[in-house]
Amino acid sequence: MELDVGLGQLQRVFGEWAGVFGGGEWVMIGDERKPLAWLLTTLSRCQDQMPSSVCVVLDMDDGSTFAQAVRSIRARRRQKPRRSRKRMA
């Protein structure tokens, strides 16, 4: 199913997600629930500058682009220690 949304709406959703950074692996695009990874991939080449408020929340320089933010978020997520899946005896 194709979503009928514009880039501006996706950028707003990204900004809302950033406001609660680390707040989840899902975002709402219109009335459809999508994985965060989908949104990041969609914005990964977007050279539009983010609003200053989003730059501040993500601890990025003013004027940073959505593509730069996606790279930064992906790098942070790779560095985040994963929980051990060892079973307790």
PDB file of N, CA and C in Angstrom:
ATOM      1  N   MET A   1       0.841  -1.181   0.000  1.00  0.00           N
ATOM      2  CA  MET A   1       0.000   0.000   0.000  1.00  0.00           C
ATOM      3  C   MET A   1       0.886   1.244   0.000  1.00  0.00           C
ATOM      4  N   GLU A   2       0.708   2.094  -0.972  1.00  0.00           N
ATOM      5  CA  GLU A   2       1.466   3.337  -1.075  1.00  0.00           C
ATOM      6  C   GLU A   2       0.883   4.393  -0.154  1.00  0.00           C
ATOM      7  N   LEU A   3       1.741   5.105   0.538  1.00  0.00           N
ATOM      8  CA  LEU A   3       1.290   6.215   1.375  1.00  0.00           C
ATOM      9  C   LEU A   3       1.224   7.475   0.533  1.00  0.00           C
ATOM     10  N   ASP A   4       0.177   8.222   0.727  1.00  0.00           N
ATOM     11  CA  ASP A   4       0.022   9.484   0.012  1.00  0.00           C
ATOM     12  C   ASP A   4       0.399  10.622   0.956  1.00  0.00           C
ATOM     13  N   VAL A   5       1.711  10.788   1.175  1.00  0.00           N
ATOM     14  CA  VAL A   5       2.201  11.829   2.073  1.00  0.00           C
ATOM     15  C   VAL A   5       3.335  12.581   1.395  1.00  0.00           C
ATOM     16  N   GLY A   6       3.498  13.820   1.786  1.00  0.00           N
ATOM     17  CA  GLY A   6       4.567  14.624   1.232  1.00  0.00           C
ATOM     18  C   GLY A   6       5.791  14.608   2.123  1.00  0.00           C
ATOM     19  N   LEU A   7       6.880  15.095   1.560  1.00  0.00           N
ATOM     20  CA  LEU A   7       8.134  15.158   2.299  1.00  0.00           C
ATOM     21  C   LEU A   7       7.995  16.004   3.555  1.00  0.00           C
ATOM     22  N   GLY A   8       7.263  17.100   3.464  1.00  0.00           N
ATOM     23  CA  GLY A   8       7.065  17.961   4.630  1.00  0.00           C
ATOM     24  C   GLY A   8       6.419  17.233   5.793  1.00  0.00           C
ATOM     25  N   GLN A   9       5.451  16.373   5.495  1.00  0.00           N
ATOM     26  CA  GLN A   9       4.796  15.609   6.559  1.00  0.00           C
ATOM     27  C   GLN A   9       5.778  14.629   7.193  1.00  0.00           C
ATOM     28  N   LEU A  10       6.607  13.997   6.376  1.00  0.00           N
ATOM     29  CA  LEU A  10       7.601  13.055   6.908  1.00  0.00           C
ATOM     30  C   LEU A  10       8.615  13.794   7.779  1.00  0.00           C
ATOM     31  N   GLN A  11       8.997  14.994   7.366  1.00  0.00           N
ATOM     32  CA  GLN A  11       9.924  15.789   8.158  1.00  0.00           C
ATOM     33  C   GLN A  11       9.297  16.173   9.498  1.00  0.00           C
ATOM     34  N   ARG A  12       8.008  16.505   9.503  1.00  0.00           N
ATOM     35  CA  ARG A  12       7.320  16.827  10.766  1.00  0.00           C
ATOM     36  C   ARG A  12       7.268  15.616  11.684  1.00  0.00           C
ATOM     37  N   VAL A  13       6.972  14.452  11.114  1.00  0.00           N
ATOM     38  CA  VAL A  13       6.935  13.224  11.919  1.00  0.00           C
ATOM     39  C   VAL A  13       8.315  12.955  12.519  1.00  0.00           C
ATOM     40  N   PHE A  14       9.355  13.151  11.735  1.00  0.00           N
ATOM     41  CA  PHE A  14      10.729  12.973  12.231  1.00  0.00           C
ATOM     42  C   PHE A  14      10.996  13.921  13.398  1.00  0.00           C
ATOM     43  N   GLY A  15      10.604  15.177  13.247  1.00  0.00           N
ATOM     44  CA  GLY A  15      10.784  16.157  14.315  1.00  0.00           C
ATOM     45  C   GLY A  15      10.039  15.772  15.575  1.00  0.00           C
ATOM     46  N   GLU A  16       8.829  15.254  15.422  1.00  0.00           N
ATOM     47  CA  GLU A  16       8.056  14.800  16.583  1.00  0.00           C
ATOM     48  C   GLU A  16       8.742  13.622  17.252  1.00  0.00           C
ATOM     49  N   TRP A  17       9.236  12.675  16.446  1.00  0.00           N
ATOM     50  CA  TRP A  17       9.951  11.534  17.009  1.00  0.00           C
ATOM     51  C   TRP A  17      11.197  12.005  17.749  1.00  0.00           C
ATOM     52  N   ALA A  18      11.918  12.949  17.163  1.00  0.00           N
ATOM     53  CA  ALA A  18      13.143  13.462  17.789  1.00  0.00           C
ATOM     54  C   ALA A  18      12.838  14.121  19.127  1.00  0.00           C
ATOM     55  N   GLY A  19      11.663  14.723  19.254  1.00  0.00           N
ATOM     56  CA  GLY A  19      11.263  15.366  20.506  1.00  0.00           C
ATOM     57  C   GLY A  19      11.190  14.391  21.661  1.00  0.00           C
ATOM     58  N   VAL A  20      10.978  13.133  21.348  1.00  0.00           N
ATOM     59  CA  VAL A  20      10.979  12.074  22.364  1.00  0.00           C
ATOM     60  C   VAL A  20      12.021  11.042  21.956  1.00  0.00           C
ATOM     61  N   PHE A  21      13.232  11.534  21.623  1.00  0.00           N
ATOM     62  CA  PHE A  21      14.310  10.703  21.076  1.00  0.00           C
ATOM     63  C   PHE A  21      14.442   9.396  21.848  1.00  0.00           C
ATOM     64  N   GLY A  22      14.496   8.334  21.118  1.00  0.00           N
ATOM     65  CA  GLY A  22      14.572   7.025  21.732  1.00  0.00           C
ATOM     66  C   GLY A  22      13.209   6.549  22.190  1.00  0.00           C
ATOM     67  N   GLY A  23      12.176   7.271  21.782  1.00  0.00           N
ATOM     68  CA  GLY A  23      10.833   6.979  22.249  1.00  0.00           C
ATOM     69  C   GLY A  23      10.169   5.796  21.597  1.00  0.00           C
ATOM     70  N   GLY A  24      10.789   5.164  20.663  1.00  0.00           N
ATOM     71  CA  GLY A  24      10.150   3.997  20.087  1.00  0.00           C
ATOM     72  C   GLY A  24      10.663   3.645  18.714  1.00  0.00           C
ATOM     73  N   GLU A  25      10.269   2.496  18.287  1.00  0.00           N
ATOM     74  CA  GLU A  25      10.689   1.963  16.993  1.00  0.00           C
ATOM     75  C   GLU A  25       9.615   2.145  15.932  1.00  0.00           C
ATOM     76  N   TRP A  26       8.522   2.816  16.284  1.00  0.00           N
ATOM     77  CA  TRP A  26       7.405   3.012  15.359  1.00  0.00           C
ATOM     78  C   TRP A  26       7.027   4.477  15.314  1.00  0.00           C
ATOM     79  N   VAL A  27       6.543   4.918  14.152  1.00  0.00           N
ATOM     80  CA  VAL A  27       6.031   6.277  13.979  1.00  0.00           C
ATOM     81  C   VAL A  27       4.681   6.187  13.276  1.00  0.00           C
ATOM     82  N   MET A  28       3.874   7.219  13.469  1.00  0.00           N
ATOM     83  CA  MET A  28       2.588   7.288  12.778  1.00  0.00           C
ATOM     84  C   MET A  28       2.722   8.226  11.584  1.00  0.00           C
ATOM     85  N   ILE A  29       2.456   7.714  10.413  1.00  0.00           N
ATOM     86  CA  ILE A  29       2.444   8.494   9.179  1.00  0.00           C
ATOM     87  C   ILE A  29       0.983   8.534   8.741  1.00  0.00           C
ATOM     88  N   GLY A  30       0.362   9.683   8.943  1.00  0.00           N
ATOM     89  CA  GLY A  30      -1.079   9.746   8.712  1.00  0.00           C
ATOM     90  C   GLY A  30      -1.756   8.828   9.713  1.00  0.00           C
ATOM     91  N   ASP A  31      -2.535   7.892   9.229  1.00  0.00           N
ATOM     92  CA  ASP A  31      -3.187   6.937  10.135  1.00  0.00           C
ATOM     93  C   ASP A  31      -2.555   5.550  10.048  1.00  0.00           C
ATOM     94  N   GLU A  32      -1.339   5.497   9.482  1.00  0.00           N
ATOM     95  CA  GLU A  32      -0.649   4.220   9.332  1.00  0.00           C
ATOM     96  C   GLU A  32       0.599   4.167  10.213  1.00  0.00           C
ATOM     97  N   ARG A  33       0.765   3.071  10.901  1.00  0.00           N
ATOM     98  CA  ARG A  33       1.931   2.832  11.749  1.00  0.00           C
ATOM     99  C   ARG A  33       3.048   2.258  10.887  1.00  0.00           C
ATOM    100  N   LYS A  34       4.220   2.918  10.929  1.00  0.00           N
ATOM    101  CA  LYS A  34       5.362   2.480  10.135  1.00  0.00           C
ATOM    102  C   LYS A  34       6.578   2.308  11.037  1.00  0.00           C
ATOM    103  N   PRO A  35       7.477   1.391  10.686  1.00  0.00           N
ATOM    104  CA  PRO A  35       8.710   1.248  11.466  1.00  0.00           C
ATOM    105  C   PRO A  35       9.583   2.501  11.335  1.00  0.00           C
ATOM    106  N   LEU A  36      10.248   2.846  12.414  1.00  0.00           N
ATOM    107  CA  LEU A  36      11.167   3.981  12.391  1.00  0.00           C
ATOM    108  C   LEU A  36      12.194   3.813  11.279  1.00  0.00           C
ATOM    109  N   ALA A  37      12.667   2.602  11.063  1.00  0.00           N
ATOM    110  CA  ALA A  37      13.667   2.347  10.011  1.00  0.00           C
ATOM    111  C   ALA A  37      13.153   2.800   8.651  1.00  0.00           C
ATOM    112  N   TRP A  38      11.869   2.648   8.388  1.00  0.00           N
ATOM    113  CA  TRP A  38      11.284   3.099   7.123  1.00  0.00           C
ATOM    114  C   TRP A  38      11.430   4.610   6.989  1.00  0.00           C
ATOM    115  N   LEU A  39      11.105   5.338   8.065  1.00  0.00           N
ATOM    116  CA  LEU A  39      11.210   6.794   8.028  1.00  0.00           C
ATOM    117  C   LEU A  39      12.664   7.227   7.837  1.00  0.00           C
ATOM    118  N   LEU A  40      13.573   6.589   8.554  1.00  0.00           N
ATOM    119  CA  LEU A  40      14.990   6.945   8.421  1.00  0.00           C
ATOM    120  C   LEU A  40      15.489   6.707   6.997  1.00  0.00           C
ATOM    121  N   THR A  41      15.110   5.588   6.409  1.00  0.00           N
ATOM    122  CA  THR A  41      15.515   5.294   5.033  1.00  0.00           C
ATOM    123  C   THR A  41      14.935   6.326   4.071  1.00  0.00           C
ATOM    124  N   THR A  42      13.688   6.691   4.291  1.00  0.00           N
ATOM    125  CA  THR A  42      13.024   7.652   3.415  1.00  0.00           C
ATOM    126  C   THR A  42      13.705   9.019   3.462  1.00  0.00           C
ATOM    127  N   LEU A  43      14.199   9.416   4.639  1.00  0.00           N
ATOM    128  CA  LEU A  43      14.829  10.724   4.789  1.00  0.00           C
ATOM    129  C   LEU A  43      16.354  10.681   4.647  1.00  0.00           C
ATOM    130  N   SER A  44      16.904   9.513   4.358  1.00  0.00           N
ATOM    131  CA  SER A  44      18.365   9.355   4.372  1.00  0.00           C
ATOM    132  C   SER A  44      19.100  10.164   3.304  1.00  0.00           C
ATOM    133  N   ARG A  45      18.414  10.635   2.286  1.00  0.00           N
ATOM    134  CA  ARG A  45      19.062  11.454   1.243  1.00  0.00           C
ATOM    135  C   ARG A  45      18.504  12.872   1.194  1.00  0.00           C
ATOM    136  N   CYS A  46      17.695  13.218   2.179  1.00  0.00           N
ATOM    137  CA  CYS A  46      17.047  14.534   2.188  1.00  0.00           C
ATOM    138  C   CYS A  46      18.046  15.602   2.639  1.00  0.00           C
ATOM    139  N   GLN A  47      18.337  16.528   1.751  1.00  0.00           N
ATOM    140  CA  GLN A  47      19.308  17.582   2.036  1.00  0.00           C
ATOM    141  C   GLN A  47      18.663  18.849   2.597  1.00  0.00           C
ATOM    142  N   ASP A  48      17.376  18.798   2.908  1.00  0.00           N
ATOM    143  CA  ASP A  48      16.716  19.945   3.536  1.00  0.00           C
ATOM    144  C   ASP A  48      17.257  20.135   4.945  1.00  0.00           C
ATOM    145  N   GLN A  49      17.404  21.384   5.354  1.00  0.00           N
ATOM    146  CA  GLN A  49      17.851  21.673   6.712  1.00  0.00           C
ATOM    147  C   GLN A  49      16.722  21.404   7.699  1.00  0.00           C
ATOM    148  N   MET A  50      17.099  20.859   8.833  1.00  0.00           N
ATOM    149  CA  MET A  50      16.126  20.625   9.899  1.00  0.00           C
ATOM    150  C   MET A  50      15.851  21.932  10.635  1.00  0.00           C
ATOM    151  N   PRO A  51      14.681  22.036  11.248  1.00  0.00           N
ATOM    152  CA  PRO A  51      14.439  23.201  12.098  1.00  0.00           C
ATOM    153  C   PRO A  51      15.460  23.234  13.240  1.00  0.00           C
ATOM    154  N   SER A  52      15.787  24.429  13.699  1.00  0.00           N
ATOM    155  CA  SER A  52      16.769  24.590  14.781  1.00  0.00           C
ATOM    156  C   SER A  52      16.388  23.782  16.014  1.00  0.00           C
ATOM    157  N   SER A  53      15.093  23.725  16.318  1.00  0.00           N
ATOM    158  CA  SER A  53      14.645  22.996  17.511  1.00  0.00           C
ATOM    159  C   SER A  53      14.979  21.514  17.425  1.00  0.00           C
ATOM    160  N   VAL A  54      14.900  20.940  16.239  1.00  0.00           N
ATOM    161  CA  VAL A  54      15.234  19.523  16.064  1.00  0.00           C
ATOM    162  C   VAL A  54      16.748  19.332  16.170  1.00  0.00           C
ATOM    163  N   CYS A  55      17.507  20.273  15.612  1.00  0.00           N
ATOM    164  CA  CYS A  55      18.971  20.206  15.737  1.00  0.00           C
ATOM    165  C   CYS A  55      19.380  20.204  17.212  1.00  0.00           C
ATOM    166  N   VAL A  56      18.743  21.060  18.011  1.00  0.00           N
ATOM    167  CA  VAL A  56      19.067  21.144  19.433  1.00  0.00           C
ATOM    168  C   VAL A  56      18.769  19.821  20.132  1.00  0.00           C
ATOM    169  N   VAL A  57      17.593  19.267  19.883  1.00  0.00           N
ATOM    170  CA  VAL A  57      17.199  18.005  20.532  1.00  0.00           C
ATOM    171  C   VAL A  57      18.168  16.885  20.188  1.00  0.00           C
ATOM    172  N   LEU A  58      18.618  16.862  18.939  1.00  0.00           N
ATOM    173  CA  LEU A  58      19.531  15.801  18.500  1.00  0.00           C
ATOM    174  C   LEU A  58      20.999  16.132  18.742  1.00  0.00           C
ATOM    175  N   ASP A  59      21.264  17.292  19.379  1.00  0.00           N
ATOM    176  CA  ASP A  59      22.624  17.738  19.666  1.00  0.00           C
ATOM    177  C   ASP A  59      23.458  17.828  18.392  1.00  0.00           C
ATOM    178  N   MET A  60      22.866  18.471  17.382  1.00  0.00           N
ATOM    179  CA  MET A  60      23.548  18.659  16.105  1.00  0.00           C
ATOM    180  C   MET A  60      23.669  20.148  15.819  1.00  0.00           C
ATOM    181  N   ASP A  61      24.605  20.506  14.950  1.00  0.00           N
ATOM    182  CA  ASP A  61      24.805  21.905  14.583  1.00  0.00           C
ATOM    183  C   ASP A  61      23.569  22.457  13.895  1.00  0.00           C
ATOM    184  N   ASP A  62      23.296  23.734  14.171  1.00  0.00           N
ATOM    185  CA  ASP A  62      22.211  24.419  13.480  1.00  0.00           C
ATOM    186  C   ASP A  62      22.492  24.373  11.981  1.00  0.00           C
ATOM    187  N   GLY A  63      21.483  24.075  11.198  1.00  0.00           N
ATOM    188  CA  GLY A  63      21.663  23.966   9.755  1.00  0.00           C
ATOM    189  C   GLY A  63      21.933  22.550   9.276  1.00  0.00           C
ATOM    190  N   SER A  64      21.976  21.599  10.208  1.00  0.00           N
ATOM    191  CA  SER A  64      22.177  20.200   9.816  1.00  0.00           C
ATOM    192  C   SER A  64      20.993  19.720   8.984  1.00  0.00           C
ATOM    193  N   THR A  65      21.264  18.798   8.086  1.00  0.00           N
ATOM    194  CA  THR A  65      20.213  18.277   7.209  1.00  0.00           C
ATOM    195  C   THR A  65      19.589  17.014   7.804  1.00  0.00           C
ATOM    196  N   PHE A  66      18.448  16.644   7.236  1.00  0.00           N
ATOM    197  CA  PHE A  66      17.801  15.404   7.661  1.00  0.00           C
ATOM    198  C   PHE A  66      18.701  14.206   7.371  1.00  0.00           C
ATOM    199  N   ALA A  67      19.415  14.229   6.244  1.00  0.00           N
ATOM    200  CA  ALA A  67      20.328  13.134   5.908  1.00  0.00           C
ATOM    201  C   ALA A  67      21.438  13.007   6.955  1.00  0.00           C
ATOM    202  N   GLN A  68      21.990  14.131   7.395  1.00  0.00           N
ATOM    203  CA  GLN A  68      23.022  14.097   8.436  1.00  0.00           C
ATOM    204  C   GLN A  68      22.451  13.527   9.735  1.00  0.00           C
ATOM    205  N   ALA A  69      21.236  13.906  10.052  1.00  0.00           N
ATOM    206  CA  ALA A  69      20.598  13.405  11.278  1.00  0.00           C
ATOM    207  C   ALA A  69      20.394  11.901  11.201  1.00  0.00           C
ATOM    208  N   VAL A  70      19.961  11.421  10.057  1.00  0.00           N
ATOM    209  CA  VAL A  70      19.752   9.974   9.901  1.00  0.00           C
ATOM    210  C   VAL A  70      21.073   9.232  10.107  1.00  0.00           C
ATOM    211  N   ARG A  71      22.156   9.729   9.512  1.00  0.00           N
ATOM    212  CA  ARG A  71      23.464   9.081   9.706  1.00  0.00           C
ATOM    213  C   ARG A  71      23.862   9.083  11.179  1.00  0.00           C
ATOM    214  N   SER A  72      23.634  10.200  11.854  1.00  0.00           N
ATOM    215  CA  SER A  72      23.977  10.315  13.263  1.00  0.00           C
ATOM    216  C   SER A  72      23.150   9.350  14.121  1.00  0.00           C
ATOM    217  N   ILE A  73      21.870   9.291  13.858  1.00  0.00           N
ATOM    218  CA  ILE A  73      20.989   8.399  14.628  1.00  0.00           C
ATOM    219  C   ILE A  73      21.380   6.948  14.405  1.00  0.00           C
ATOM    220  N   ARG A  74      21.637   6.586  13.168  1.00  0.00           N
ATOM    221  CA  ARG A  74      22.040   5.199  12.890  1.00  0.00           C
ATOM    222  C   ARG A  74      23.348   4.857  13.590  1.00  0.00           C
ATOM    223  N   ALA A  75      24.302   5.780  13.601  1.00  0.00           N
ATOM    224  CA  ALA A  75      25.578   5.533  14.278  1.00  0.00           C
ATOM    225  C   ALA A  75      25.367   5.375  15.781  1.00  0.00           C
ATOM    226  N   ARG A  76      24.542   6.219  16.368  1.00  0.00           N
ATOM    227  CA  ARG A  76      24.261   6.123  17.806  1.00  0.00           C
ATOM    228  C   ARG A  76      23.593   4.800  18.137  1.00  0.00           C
ATOM    229  N   ARG A  77      22.687   4.371  17.284  1.00  0.00           N
ATOM    230  CA  ARG A  77      21.967   3.124  17.542  1.00  0.00           C
ATOM    231  C   ARG A  77      22.893   1.919  17.429  1.00  0.00           C
ATOM    232  N   ARG A  78      23.886   1.998  16.537  1.00  0.00           N
ATOM    233  CA  ARG A  78      24.853   0.897  16.420  1.00  0.00           C
ATOM    234  C   ARG A  78      25.750   0.814  17.646  1.00  0.00           C
ATOM    235  N   GLN A  79      26.048   1.961  18.262  1.00  0.00           N
ATOM    236  CA  GLN A  79      26.926   2.003  19.424  1.00  0.00           C
ATOM    237  C   GLN A  79      26.219   1.612  20.707  1.00  0.00           C
ATOM    238  N   LYS A  80      24.910   1.689  20.713  1.00  0.00           N
ATOM    239  CA  LYS A  80      24.128   1.399  21.908  1.00  0.00           C
ATOM    240  C   LYS A  80      24.318  -0.068  22.292  1.00  0.00           C
ATOM    241  N   PRO A  81      24.709  -0.331  23.547  1.00  0.00           N
ATOM    242  CA  PRO A  81      24.902  -1.731  23.947  1.00  0.00           C
ATOM    243  C   PRO A  81      23.580  -2.499  23.895  1.00  0.00           C
ATOM    244  N   ARG A  82      23.677  -3.707  23.411  1.00  0.00           N
ATOM    245  CA  ARG A  82      22.479  -4.550  23.328  1.00  0.00           C
ATOM    246  C   ARG A  82      22.335  -5.358  24.592  1.00  0.00           C
ATOM    247  N   ARG A  83      21.093  -5.636  24.930  1.00  0.00           N
ATOM    248  CA  ARG A  83      20.818  -6.449  26.112  1.00  0.00           C
ATOM    249  C   ARG A  83      21.220  -7.893  25.865  1.00  0.00           C
ATOM    250  N   SER A  84      21.768  -8.497  26.889  1.00  0.00           N
ATOM    251  CA  SER A  84      22.145  -9.899  26.795  1.00  0.00           C
ATOM    252  C   SER A  84      20.901 -10.758  26.746  1.00  0.00           C
ATOM    253  N   ARG A  85      20.960 -11.809  25.944  1.00  0.00           N
ATOM    254  CA  ARG A  85      19.830 -12.723  25.838  1.00  0.00           C
ATOM    255  C   ARG A  85      20.108 -14.027  26.591  1.00  0.00           C
ATOM    256  N   LYS A  86      21.105 -14.007  27.467  1.00  0.00           N
ATOM    257  CA  LYS A  86      21.422 -15.205  28.235  1.00  0.00           C
ATOM    258  C   LYS A  86      20.269 -15.523  29.170  1.00  0.00           C
ATOM    259  N   ARG A  87      20.001 -16.806  29.305  1.00  0.00           N
ATOM    260  CA  ARG A  87      18.966 -17.234  30.230  1.00  0.00           C
ATOM    261  C   ARG A  87      19.532 -17.399  31.617  1.00  0.00           C
ATOM    262  N   MET A  88      18.715 -17.030  32.558  1.00  0.00           N
ATOM    263  CA  MET A  88      19.116 -17.207  33.961  1.00  0.00           C
ATOM    264  C   MET A  88      18.943 -18.683  34.321  1.00  0.00           C
ATOM    265  N   ALA A  89      19.939 -19.259  34.982  1.00  0.00           N
ATOM    266  CA  ALA A  89      19.868 -20.682  35.368  1.00  0.00           C
ATOM    267  C   ALA A  89      19.156 -20.855  36.678  1.00  0.00           C
TER     268      ALA A  89
END
